[in-house]
């Protein structure tokens, strides 16, 4: 883990002292009950990407929290489109993060979980072919056969016409994957919100204006607004704000 990205607490307990890895991990600790945590980065004007990719918005402070959230989760949930577009690699952690997981009684690596209605996924993509833990793909009951994908991932059918996300999450929890981190994309975020499954949102606000063109961090059909109280605000040395909103 790295301390190269100075981050300090702004609210509710302000302090100018940089947070070390232990203090930062405590702020993003695992919940006592099963939870679904979203992690996104956005520009000041609400863009989900810069030049088509989220990486253009992500500085070192956001990356530091990104790595930490992967370290503490049981499963990493991502939509198939995001997996393809962002070119996900195998979900691997360095030795220090694996050691932290061992000390806390966790498997050395979290499990990658992909949501796909069509199973239009490349089993040769490193996210599958080089995975240290066999990934899971949540798909619908009528999805086409995909024997090559089934050779490298567990295919879980949940939902007749499209993936039933509540059923999929229940299956993950049945497998002991209680702490689920979701990295998007926007349509998956929108669907999880509509199903009232989002417990927490970790949002990095990059200090830049992206301009018109990019979408928001959430997309899809409208759904009722829901309260999600602010739990902390952190400030990085480059001006990035790190927000955490959660039900509890």
Protein backbone atom coordinates (compact mmCIF):
# COMPACT_ATOMS: atom_id res chain seq x y z
CA UNK A 1 0.00 0.00 0.00
CA UNK A 2 1.11 3.54 -0.61
CA UNK A 3 1.01 6.73 1.40
CA UNK A 4 2.04 8.85 -1.62
CA UNK A 5 -1.42 10.41 -1.93
CA UNK A 6 -1.93 12.77 1.04
CA UNK A 7 -5.52 12.61 2.23
CA UNK A 8 -6.90 14.32 5.33
CA UNK A 9 -10.25 14.35 7.12
CA UNK A 10 -12.47 17.36 6.41
CA UNK A 11 -15.76 16.27 8.05
CA UNK A 12 -17.11 15.28 10.56
CA UNK A 13 -13.82 15.24 12.49
CA UNK A 14 -11.52 17.66 10.66
CA UNK A 15 -7.78 17.25 10.95
CA UNK A 16 -4.95 18.48 8.69
CA UNK A 17 -2.83 15.41 9.48
CA UNK A 18 -2.49 13.00 6.53
CA UNK A 19 -4.34 9.74 7.02
CA UNK A 20 -2.13 6.67 7.00
CA UNK A 21 -3.29 3.39 5.47
CA UNK A 22 -4.69 2.03 8.75
CA UNK A 23 -6.74 5.17 9.40
CA UNK A 24 -8.02 5.25 5.82
CA UNK A 25 -8.95 1.57 5.96
CA UNK A 26 -10.87 2.19 9.19
CA UNK A 27 -12.93 4.88 7.45
CA UNK A 28 -13.85 2.43 4.68
CA UNK A 29 -14.10 -0.61 6.91
CA UNK A 30 -16.18 -3.67 6.19
CA UNK A 31 -19.76 -3.46 7.42
CA UNK A 32 -21.10 -5.68 10.19
CA UNK A 33 -23.93 -6.84 7.92
CA UNK A 34 -24.10 -7.69 4.18
CA UNK A 35 -23.86 -4.58 2.03
CA UNK A 36 -23.56 -3.36 -1.52
CA UNK A 37 -21.09 -0.49 -1.92
CA UNK A 38 -20.78 1.57 -5.10
CA UNK A 39 -17.53 3.29 -6.06
CA UNK A 40 -17.43 6.00 -8.73
CA UNK A 41 -15.38 9.01 -9.74
CA UNK A 42 -16.91 12.12 -11.29
CA UNK A 43 -15.90 15.58 -12.43
CA UNK A 44 -17.20 18.71 -10.69
CA UNK A 45 -19.82 19.02 -13.44
CA UNK A 46 -20.98 15.43 -13.05
CA UNK A 47 -19.21 13.59 -15.89
CA UNK A 48 -18.65 9.85 -15.55
CA UNK A 49 -15.72 9.84 -17.97
CA UNK A 50 -13.16 11.95 -19.77
CA UNK A 51 -12.45 11.14 -23.41
CA UNK A 52 -14.67 8.11 -22.97
CA UNK A 53 -12.89 6.51 -20.01
CA UNK A 54 -13.15 6.89 -16.24
CA UNK A 55 -9.36 6.75 -15.91
CA UNK A 56 -9.13 10.32 -17.18
CA UNK A 57 -10.86 11.52 -14.01
CA UNK A 58 -8.91 9.38 -11.56
CA UNK A 59 -5.87 10.86 -9.82
CA UNK A 60 -3.68 9.17 -7.23
CA UNK A 61 -6.02 9.87 -4.25
CA UNK A 62 -8.95 8.23 -6.04
CA UNK A 63 -6.75 5.31 -7.06
CA UNK A 64 -5.61 4.88 -3.47
CA UNK A 65 -9.20 4.54 -2.26
CA UNK A 66 -10.04 2.39 -5.30
CA UNK A 67 -7.31 -0.10 -4.30
CA UNK A 68 -8.38 -0.03 -0.65
CA UNK A 69 -12.03 -0.77 -1.47
CA UNK A 70 -10.99 -3.76 -3.55
CA UNK A 71 -8.87 -4.96 -0.64
CA UNK A 72 -11.74 -5.01 1.86
CA UNK A 73 -14.52 -6.47 -0.32
CA UNK A 74 -15.57 -10.10 -0.82
CA UNK A 75 -16.75 -9.64 -4.39
CA UNK A 76 -16.28 -7.04 -7.12
CA UNK A 77 -19.45 -6.56 -9.19
CA UNK A 78 -19.24 -5.04 -12.67
CA UNK A 79 -21.43 -4.87 -15.77
CA UNK A 80 -20.26 -6.73 -18.86
CA UNK A 81 -20.12 -3.52 -20.91
CA UNK A 82 -17.85 -1.83 -18.38
CA UNK A 83 -15.65 -4.92 -18.18
CA UNK A 84 -15.20 -4.85 -21.96
CA UNK A 85 -14.89 -1.08 -22.42
CA UNK A 86 -12.49 -0.46 -19.55
CA UNK A 87 -10.42 -3.53 -20.41
CA UNK A 88 -10.55 -5.16 -16.98
CA UNK A 89 -7.56 -7.32 -16.14
CA UNK A 90 -7.42 -10.15 -13.62
CA UNK A 91 -8.52 -9.09 -10.14
CA UNK A 92 -5.19 -9.38 -8.36
CA UNK A 93 -3.82 -7.70 -5.22
CA UNK A 94 -0.24 -7.09 -4.15
CA UNK A 95 1.30 -9.04 -1.27
CA UNK A 96 0.62 -6.35 1.35
CA UNK A 97 -3.07 -6.31 0.55
CA UNK A 98 -3.25 -10.10 0.45
CA UNK A 99 -1.54 -10.19 3.86
CA UNK A 100 -4.16 -7.77 5.22
CA UNK A 101 -6.91 -10.07 3.96
CA UNK A 102 -5.27 -13.14 5.51
CA UNK A 103 -4.99 -11.34 8.87
CA UNK A 104 -8.70 -10.59 8.73
CA UNK A 105 -9.73 -14.13 7.84
CA UNK A 106 -10.57 -13.39 4.20
CA UNK A 107 -9.69 -15.21 1.02
CA UNK A 108 -6.51 -13.81 -0.54
CA UNK A 109 -8.42 -12.37 -3.49
CA UNK A 110 -11.97 -11.07 -3.91
CA UNK A 111 -14.19 -12.75 -6.49
CA UNK A 112 -14.99 -10.99 -9.76
CA UNK A 113 -18.72 -11.00 -10.53
CA UNK A 114 -19.95 -9.89 -13.97
CA UNK A 115 -23.56 -9.04 -14.88
CA UNK A 116 -24.43 -10.03 -18.45
CA UNK A 117 -27.80 -10.68 -20.10
CA UNK A 118 -26.26 -11.81 -23.40
CA UNK A 119 -23.07 -13.58 -22.25
CA UNK A 120 -21.21 -11.56 -24.88
CA UNK A 121 -17.93 -11.98 -23.01
CA UNK A 122 -14.52 -13.09 -24.16
CA UNK A 123 -13.27 -16.02 -22.05
CA UNK A 124 -9.74 -15.15 -23.21
CA UNK A 125 -9.92 -11.69 -21.59
CA UNK A 126 -7.44 -11.56 -18.71
CA UNK A 127 -10.25 -10.88 -16.24
CA UNK A 128 -11.31 -14.49 -16.84
CA UNK A 129 -8.28 -16.28 -18.27
CA UNK A 130 -5.83 -15.02 -15.64
CA UNK A 131 -8.21 -14.81 -12.67
CA UNK A 132 -6.73 -16.03 -9.36
CA UNK A 133 -10.27 -16.95 -8.22
CA UNK A 134 -12.88 -18.41 -10.57
CA UNK A 135 -15.20 -15.51 -11.56
CA UNK A 136 -18.99 -15.60 -11.41
CA UNK A 137 -21.26 -14.38 -14.22
CA UNK A 138 -24.84 -13.45 -13.33
CA UNK A 139 -27.05 -13.94 -16.37
CA UNK A 140 -30.71 -14.48 -17.32
CA UNK A 141 -32.40 -17.86 -17.62
CA UNK A 142 -32.71 -17.65 -21.40
CA UNK A 143 -29.14 -16.60 -22.14
CA UNK A 144 -27.45 -18.43 -25.03
CA UNK A 145 -25.18 -21.35 -24.28
CA UNK A 146 -21.57 -20.28 -23.70
CA UNK A 147 -19.47 -23.40 -23.10
CA UNK A 148 -16.14 -21.58 -23.50
CA UNK A 149 -17.16 -19.02 -20.89
CA UNK A 150 -18.52 -21.74 -18.59
CA UNK A 151 -15.06 -23.31 -18.68
CA UNK A 152 -13.53 -20.26 -16.96
CA UNK A 153 -16.43 -18.90 -14.87
CA UNK A 154 -19.47 -20.04 -12.90
CA UNK A 155 -22.62 -19.03 -14.79
CA UNK A 156 -25.48 -18.24 -12.41
CA UNK A 157 -28.93 -17.89 -13.99
CA UNK A 158 -31.21 -15.49 -12.12
CA UNK A 159 -34.18 -13.88 -13.87
CA UNK A 160 -36.30 -14.82 -16.89
CA UNK A 161 -35.92 -11.89 -19.31
CA UNK A 162 -33.04 -10.05 -17.63
CA UNK A 163 -30.79 -10.51 -14.63
CA UNK A 164 -32.73 -10.21 -11.37
CA UNK A 165 -30.16 -8.31 -9.34
CA UNK A 166 -31.81 -9.04 -5.98
CA UNK A 167 -31.71 -12.77 -6.70
CA UNK A 168 -28.11 -12.45 -7.89
CA UNK A 169 -27.03 -10.67 -4.71
CA UNK A 170 -28.80 -13.29 -2.60
CA UNK A 171 -26.85 -16.00 -4.44
CA UNK A 172 -23.57 -14.19 -3.77
CA UNK A 173 -24.42 -13.96 -0.10
CA UNK A 174 -25.34 -17.64 -0.04
CA UNK A 175 -21.77 -18.25 -1.20
CA UNK A 176 -20.41 -16.12 1.65
CA UNK A 177 -19.74 -13.03 -0.46
CA UNK A 178 -21.38 -10.52 1.88
CA UNK A 179 -19.38 -7.36 1.17
CA UNK A 180 -19.98 -6.52 -2.48
CA UNK A 181 -18.21 -3.62 -4.20
CA UNK A 182 -19.71 -2.41 -7.49
CA UNK A 183 -17.69 -0.33 -9.97
CA UNK A 184 -20.49 0.20 -12.47
CA UNK A 185 -21.21 1.07 -15.08
CA UNK A 186 -23.94 3.69 -14.97
CA UNK A 187 -26.76 1.42 -16.18
CA UNK A 188 -25.95 -1.17 -13.51
CA UNK A 189 -25.86 1.61 -10.90
CA UNK A 190 -29.27 2.80 -12.09
CA UNK A 191 -30.73 -0.70 -11.99
CA UNK A 192 -29.37 -1.36 -8.50
CA UNK A 193 -30.79 1.97 -7.32
CA UNK A 194 -34.19 1.20 -8.85
CA UNK A 195 -34.20 -2.15 -7.01
CA UNK A 196 -33.28 -0.36 -3.75
CA UNK A 197 -30.16 -2.50 -3.33
CA UNK A 198 -27.54 0.25 -2.88
CA UNK A 199 -26.34 0.58 0.71
CA UNK A 200 -23.35 2.87 0.23
CA UNK A 201 -21.81 5.18 -2.37
CA UNK A 202 -18.14 6.16 -2.32
CA UNK A 203 -17.71 9.09 -4.67
CA UNK A 204 -14.50 10.84 -5.69
CA UNK A 205 -15.02 14.34 -7.11
CA UNK A 206 -12.12 15.33 -9.35
CA UNK A 207 -11.30 19.07 -9.39
CA UNK A 208 -11.97 19.63 -13.08
CA UNK A 209 -14.71 20.53 -15.51
CA UNK A 210 -15.22 17.86 -18.17
CA UNK A 211 -17.65 19.89 -20.28
CA UNK A 212 -20.68 18.62 -22.14
CA UNK A 213 -20.87 15.19 -23.73
CA UNK A 214 -20.18 12.62 -21.05
CA UNK A 215 -23.00 10.84 -19.24
CA UNK A 216 -23.74 10.78 -15.51
CA UNK A 217 -22.56 8.08 -13.13
CA UNK A 218 -26.07 6.60 -13.23
CA UNK A 219 -28.32 5.82 -16.18
CA UNK A 220 -31.47 3.94 -17.14
CA UNK A 221 -35.14 4.23 -16.27
CA UNK A 222 -36.17 6.82 -13.65
CA UNK A 223 -36.66 5.58 -10.10
CA UNK A 224 -37.78 7.17 -6.81
CA UNK A 225 -35.30 9.39 -4.97
CA UNK A 226 -33.83 7.86 -1.81
CA UNK A 227 -32.04 9.40 1.14
CA UNK A 228 -28.40 8.39 1.55
CA UNK A 229 -26.80 10.34 4.40
CA UNK A 230 -23.27 11.73 4.16
CA UNK A 231 -20.86 9.91 6.48
CA UNK A 232 -17.50 11.51 5.76
CA UNK A 233 -15.67 14.01 3.57
CA UNK A 234 -11.96 13.65 2.91
CA UNK A 235 -9.76 16.12 1.07
CA UNK A 236 -6.72 15.15 -0.97
CA UNK A 237 -3.73 17.35 -1.63
CA UNK A 238 -4.64 17.75 -5.29
CA UNK A 239 -8.12 19.05 -4.44
CA UNK A 240 -10.00 15.78 -4.92
CA UNK A 241 -12.95 15.35 -2.57
CA UNK A 242 -13.64 11.83 -1.31
CA UNK A 243 -17.23 11.40 -0.15
CA UNK A 244 -18.88 8.46 1.55
CA UNK A 245 -22.67 8.21 1.73
CA UNK A 246 -24.32 5.24 3.47
CA UNK A 247 -27.61 4.05 4.89
CA UNK A 248 -25.98 3.29 8.27
